[in-house]
N, C-alpha and C. Protein backbone atom coordinates (compact mmCIF):
# COMPACT_ATOMS: atom_id res chain seq x y z
N MET A 1 -105.60 -11.34 -53.48
CA MET A 1 -104.61 -12.26 -52.97
C MET A 1 -103.94 -11.69 -51.66
N HIS A 2 -103.84 -12.48 -50.70
CA HIS A 2 -103.12 -12.00 -49.46
C HIS A 2 -101.59 -12.10 -49.73
N ILE A 3 -100.90 -11.19 -49.02
CA ILE A 3 -99.39 -11.21 -49.12
C ILE A 3 -98.88 -12.49 -48.85
N SER A 4 -99.36 -13.25 -47.80
CA SER A 4 -98.74 -14.51 -47.44
C SER A 4 -98.93 -15.55 -48.56
N LYS A 5 -100.11 -15.53 -49.24
CA LYS A 5 -100.32 -16.39 -50.39
C LYS A 5 -99.35 -16.11 -51.53
N PHE A 6 -99.11 -14.91 -51.78
CA PHE A 6 -98.14 -14.59 -52.87
C PHE A 6 -96.71 -15.00 -52.49
N GLN A 7 -96.34 -14.70 -51.18
CA GLN A 7 -95.01 -15.02 -50.79
C GLN A 7 -94.87 -16.59 -50.83
N GLN A 8 -95.94 -17.32 -50.41
CA GLN A 8 -95.85 -18.80 -50.53
C GLN A 8 -95.64 -19.26 -51.98
N LEU A 9 -96.42 -18.56 -52.87
CA LEU A 9 -96.28 -18.96 -54.33
C LEU A 9 -94.89 -18.79 -54.77
N ILE A 10 -94.23 -17.64 -54.45
CA ILE A 10 -92.88 -17.40 -54.76
C ILE A 10 -91.97 -18.46 -54.21
N LEU A 11 -92.15 -18.84 -52.98
CA LEU A 11 -91.40 -19.89 -52.25
C LEU A 11 -91.48 -21.18 -53.00
N GLU A 12 -92.70 -21.59 -53.33
CA GLU A 12 -92.95 -22.87 -53.97
C GLU A 12 -92.24 -22.90 -55.39
N LYS A 13 -92.36 -21.78 -56.10
CA LYS A 13 -91.90 -21.73 -57.40
C LYS A 13 -90.32 -21.58 -57.57
N TYR A 14 -89.78 -20.79 -56.64
CA TYR A 14 -88.41 -20.39 -56.76
C TYR A 14 -87.53 -20.64 -55.55
N GLY A 15 -88.15 -21.09 -54.44
CA GLY A 15 -87.45 -21.21 -53.11
C GLY A 15 -86.12 -21.90 -53.15
N GLN A 16 -86.01 -23.08 -53.75
CA GLN A 16 -84.73 -23.82 -53.67
C GLN A 16 -83.66 -22.99 -54.41
N ARG A 17 -83.98 -22.52 -55.54
CA ARG A 17 -83.03 -21.82 -56.40
C ARG A 17 -82.61 -20.52 -55.67
N ASP A 18 -83.58 -19.88 -55.03
CA ASP A 18 -83.33 -18.61 -54.29
C ASP A 18 -82.36 -18.89 -53.14
N ARG A 19 -82.62 -19.92 -52.33
CA ARG A 19 -81.71 -20.23 -51.23
C ARG A 19 -80.26 -20.56 -51.70
N GLU A 20 -80.18 -21.26 -52.81
CA GLU A 20 -78.90 -21.67 -53.38
C GLU A 20 -78.14 -20.40 -53.81
N ARG A 21 -78.84 -19.36 -54.39
CA ARG A 21 -78.28 -18.17 -54.81
C ARG A 21 -77.66 -17.32 -53.62
N GLY A 22 -78.44 -17.37 -52.56
CA GLY A 22 -78.04 -16.64 -51.28
C GLY A 22 -78.46 -15.26 -51.23
N THR A 23 -78.39 -14.73 -50.07
CA THR A 23 -78.89 -13.33 -49.73
C THR A 23 -78.28 -12.33 -50.56
N SER A 24 -76.90 -12.29 -50.64
CA SER A 24 -76.18 -11.22 -51.36
C SER A 24 -76.49 -11.12 -52.76
N ALA A 25 -76.48 -12.25 -53.49
CA ALA A 25 -76.80 -12.20 -54.91
C ALA A 25 -78.28 -11.92 -55.14
N THR A 26 -79.13 -12.38 -54.29
CA THR A 26 -80.56 -12.05 -54.40
C THR A 26 -80.79 -10.64 -54.20
N PHE A 27 -80.09 -10.02 -53.20
CA PHE A 27 -80.26 -8.62 -52.99
C PHE A 27 -79.86 -7.81 -54.15
N MET A 28 -78.84 -8.26 -54.87
CA MET A 28 -78.37 -7.51 -56.06
C MET A 28 -79.46 -7.62 -57.19
N TRP A 29 -80.11 -8.69 -57.35
CA TRP A 29 -81.15 -8.87 -58.31
C TRP A 29 -82.36 -7.96 -57.90
N PHE A 30 -82.66 -7.88 -56.56
CA PHE A 30 -83.68 -6.96 -56.07
C PHE A 30 -83.35 -5.52 -56.48
N ILE A 31 -82.12 -5.07 -56.17
CA ILE A 31 -81.69 -3.72 -56.47
C ILE A 31 -81.80 -3.42 -57.92
N GLU A 32 -81.49 -4.39 -58.82
CA GLU A 32 -81.63 -4.23 -60.26
C GLU A 32 -83.05 -3.92 -60.63
N GLU A 33 -84.01 -4.65 -60.00
CA GLU A 33 -85.41 -4.46 -60.29
C GLU A 33 -85.80 -3.04 -59.77
N VAL A 34 -85.34 -2.66 -58.63
CA VAL A 34 -85.70 -1.26 -58.12
C VAL A 34 -85.21 -0.29 -59.18
N GLY A 35 -84.03 -0.47 -59.69
CA GLY A 35 -83.56 0.44 -60.68
C GLY A 35 -84.45 0.43 -61.98
N GLU A 36 -84.88 -0.76 -62.36
CA GLU A 36 -85.85 -0.75 -63.50
C GLU A 36 -87.20 -0.05 -63.12
N LEU A 37 -87.60 -0.19 -61.89
CA LEU A 37 -88.84 0.51 -61.43
C LEU A 37 -88.61 1.99 -61.47
N ALA A 38 -87.42 2.50 -61.05
CA ALA A 38 -87.15 3.90 -61.11
C ALA A 38 -87.28 4.43 -62.60
N THR A 39 -86.71 3.72 -63.50
CA THR A 39 -86.78 4.08 -64.92
C THR A 39 -88.23 4.09 -65.43
N ALA A 40 -89.02 3.09 -64.96
CA ALA A 40 -90.39 2.95 -65.38
C ALA A 40 -91.26 4.16 -64.82
N LEU A 41 -90.95 4.54 -63.59
CA LEU A 41 -91.62 5.68 -62.91
C LEU A 41 -91.44 6.99 -63.68
N ALA A 42 -90.38 7.09 -64.33
CA ALA A 42 -90.03 8.35 -65.10
C ALA A 42 -90.65 8.35 -66.55
N SER A 43 -91.35 7.24 -66.83
CA SER A 43 -91.94 7.09 -68.11
C SER A 43 -93.53 7.24 -68.10
N ASP A 44 -94.15 7.24 -69.23
CA ASP A 44 -95.63 7.33 -69.26
C ASP A 44 -96.24 5.93 -69.49
N ASP A 45 -95.46 4.85 -69.46
CA ASP A 45 -95.87 3.60 -69.80
C ASP A 45 -96.38 2.86 -68.58
N GLU A 46 -97.75 2.94 -68.38
CA GLU A 46 -98.39 2.50 -67.15
C GLU A 46 -98.19 0.91 -67.07
N GLY A 47 -98.27 0.20 -68.18
CA GLY A 47 -98.08 -1.20 -68.16
C GLY A 47 -96.70 -1.64 -67.68
N ASN A 48 -95.67 -0.86 -68.06
CA ASN A 48 -94.30 -1.20 -67.58
C ASN A 48 -94.17 -0.78 -66.13
N LYS A 49 -94.79 0.23 -65.63
CA LYS A 49 -94.78 0.51 -64.25
C LYS A 49 -95.39 -0.61 -63.43
N ALA A 50 -96.55 -1.08 -63.86
CA ALA A 50 -97.14 -2.19 -63.09
C ALA A 50 -96.23 -3.44 -63.08
N GLU A 51 -95.72 -3.73 -64.23
CA GLU A 51 -94.75 -4.88 -64.32
C GLU A 51 -93.59 -4.74 -63.39
N GLU A 52 -93.04 -3.58 -63.33
CA GLU A 52 -91.82 -3.36 -62.47
C GLU A 52 -92.24 -3.37 -61.00
N PHE A 53 -93.40 -2.80 -60.65
CA PHE A 53 -93.86 -2.91 -59.30
C PHE A 53 -94.00 -4.45 -58.87
N ALA A 54 -94.53 -5.21 -59.73
CA ALA A 54 -94.67 -6.67 -59.50
C ALA A 54 -93.37 -7.35 -59.31
N ASP A 55 -92.42 -6.97 -60.20
CA ASP A 55 -91.05 -7.64 -60.06
C ASP A 55 -90.37 -7.20 -58.79
N VAL A 56 -90.43 -5.96 -58.39
CA VAL A 56 -89.78 -5.52 -57.12
C VAL A 56 -90.44 -6.31 -55.97
N PHE A 57 -91.82 -6.38 -55.98
CA PHE A 57 -92.54 -7.11 -54.85
C PHE A 57 -92.17 -8.54 -54.83
N ALA A 58 -91.99 -9.16 -55.96
CA ALA A 58 -91.67 -10.65 -56.06
C ALA A 58 -90.21 -10.79 -55.45
N TRP A 59 -89.28 -9.96 -55.86
CA TRP A 59 -87.90 -10.09 -55.30
C TRP A 59 -87.89 -9.76 -53.90
N LEU A 60 -88.67 -8.81 -53.39
CA LEU A 60 -88.82 -8.59 -51.98
C LEU A 60 -89.30 -9.81 -51.22
N CYS A 61 -90.27 -10.44 -51.71
CA CYS A 61 -90.75 -11.65 -51.08
C CYS A 61 -89.70 -12.72 -51.19
N THR A 62 -88.90 -12.78 -52.23
CA THR A 62 -87.85 -13.74 -52.28
C THR A 62 -86.83 -13.49 -51.19
N LEU A 63 -86.47 -12.27 -50.97
CA LEU A 63 -85.50 -11.88 -49.87
C LEU A 63 -86.12 -12.25 -48.50
N ALA A 64 -87.49 -11.98 -48.37
CA ALA A 64 -88.11 -12.33 -47.11
C ALA A 64 -88.08 -13.81 -46.91
N ASN A 65 -88.33 -14.62 -47.97
CA ASN A 65 -88.32 -16.03 -47.78
C ASN A 65 -87.03 -16.58 -47.36
N ILE A 66 -85.91 -16.19 -47.95
CA ILE A 66 -84.59 -16.69 -47.70
C ILE A 66 -84.08 -16.05 -46.34
N SER A 67 -84.73 -15.11 -45.82
CA SER A 67 -84.41 -14.49 -44.55
C SER A 67 -85.39 -14.98 -43.38
N ASN A 68 -86.32 -15.85 -43.80
CA ASN A 68 -87.33 -16.33 -42.81
C ASN A 68 -88.27 -15.27 -42.20
N VAL A 69 -88.68 -14.32 -43.09
CA VAL A 69 -89.51 -13.16 -42.67
C VAL A 69 -90.86 -13.46 -43.26
N ASP A 70 -91.93 -13.47 -42.47
CA ASP A 70 -93.29 -13.49 -42.95
C ASP A 70 -93.73 -12.05 -43.30
N MET A 71 -93.78 -11.71 -44.53
CA MET A 71 -94.15 -10.40 -44.97
C MET A 71 -95.48 -9.87 -44.53
N GLU A 72 -96.54 -10.69 -44.57
CA GLU A 72 -97.85 -10.32 -44.10
C GLU A 72 -97.81 -9.99 -42.60
N LYS A 73 -97.07 -10.72 -41.82
CA LYS A 73 -97.00 -10.42 -40.40
C LYS A 73 -96.17 -9.19 -40.18
N ALA A 74 -95.11 -9.01 -40.93
CA ALA A 74 -94.23 -7.82 -40.84
C ALA A 74 -95.04 -6.57 -41.13
N CYS A 75 -95.95 -6.60 -42.16
CA CYS A 75 -96.67 -5.49 -42.56
C CYS A 75 -97.76 -5.03 -41.60
N THR A 76 -98.08 -5.91 -40.59
CA THR A 76 -99.06 -5.51 -39.62
C THR A 76 -98.70 -4.33 -38.83
N LYS A 77 -97.40 -3.92 -38.80
CA LYS A 77 -97.00 -2.81 -38.09
C LYS A 77 -97.54 -1.55 -38.60
N TYR A 78 -98.11 -1.56 -39.81
CA TYR A 78 -98.76 -0.34 -40.43
C TYR A 78 -100.25 -0.35 -40.19
N MET A 79 -100.79 -1.22 -39.51
CA MET A 79 -102.21 -1.36 -39.30
C MET A 79 -102.62 -0.55 -37.99
N GLY A 80 -103.80 0.00 -38.01
CA GLY A 80 -104.21 0.79 -36.85
C GLY A 80 -103.84 2.20 -36.92
N ASN A 81 -104.09 2.94 -35.89
CA ASN A 81 -103.80 4.43 -35.87
C ASN A 81 -102.46 4.79 -35.44
N ASN A 82 -101.75 3.83 -34.85
CA ASN A 82 -100.38 4.12 -34.36
C ASN A 82 -99.34 3.34 -35.03
N ALA A 83 -99.27 3.44 -36.36
CA ALA A 83 -98.32 2.75 -37.25
C ALA A 83 -96.93 2.94 -36.80
N GLU A 84 -96.21 1.95 -36.48
CA GLU A 84 -94.77 2.03 -36.20
C GLU A 84 -94.08 2.46 -37.43
N GLY A 85 -93.02 3.25 -37.22
CA GLY A 85 -92.26 3.69 -38.39
C GLY A 85 -92.79 4.95 -39.05
N TYR A 86 -94.02 5.34 -38.70
CA TYR A 86 -94.62 6.49 -39.32
C TYR A 86 -93.95 7.80 -38.63
N LYS A 87 -93.43 8.60 -39.62
CA LYS A 87 -92.79 9.81 -39.08
C LYS A 87 -93.59 11.10 -39.64
N PRO A 88 -94.39 11.69 -38.86
CA PRO A 88 -95.15 12.87 -39.37
C PRO A 88 -94.17 14.01 -39.65
N LYS A 89 -94.65 14.84 -40.63
CA LYS A 89 -93.77 15.96 -41.01
C LYS A 89 -93.89 17.10 -40.00
């Protein structure tokens, strides 16, 4: 599945409710999911890790939707040999 297809799925399923909730409250939900991912990463439960990665990505797409950001287009900055934002050690 392409990122844009997943982002569109999230928009169609939750878009109205997400916009009503607003950016600040949605960001708090996102941060809660990041915390759950941190806990999952410290465990040996591979299924839970996968679930939490999916939750974080879904909430990130939600934030992108209510902020009018196309995630697939935004991620193109990492394509090619001269990825923007890459900081070599």
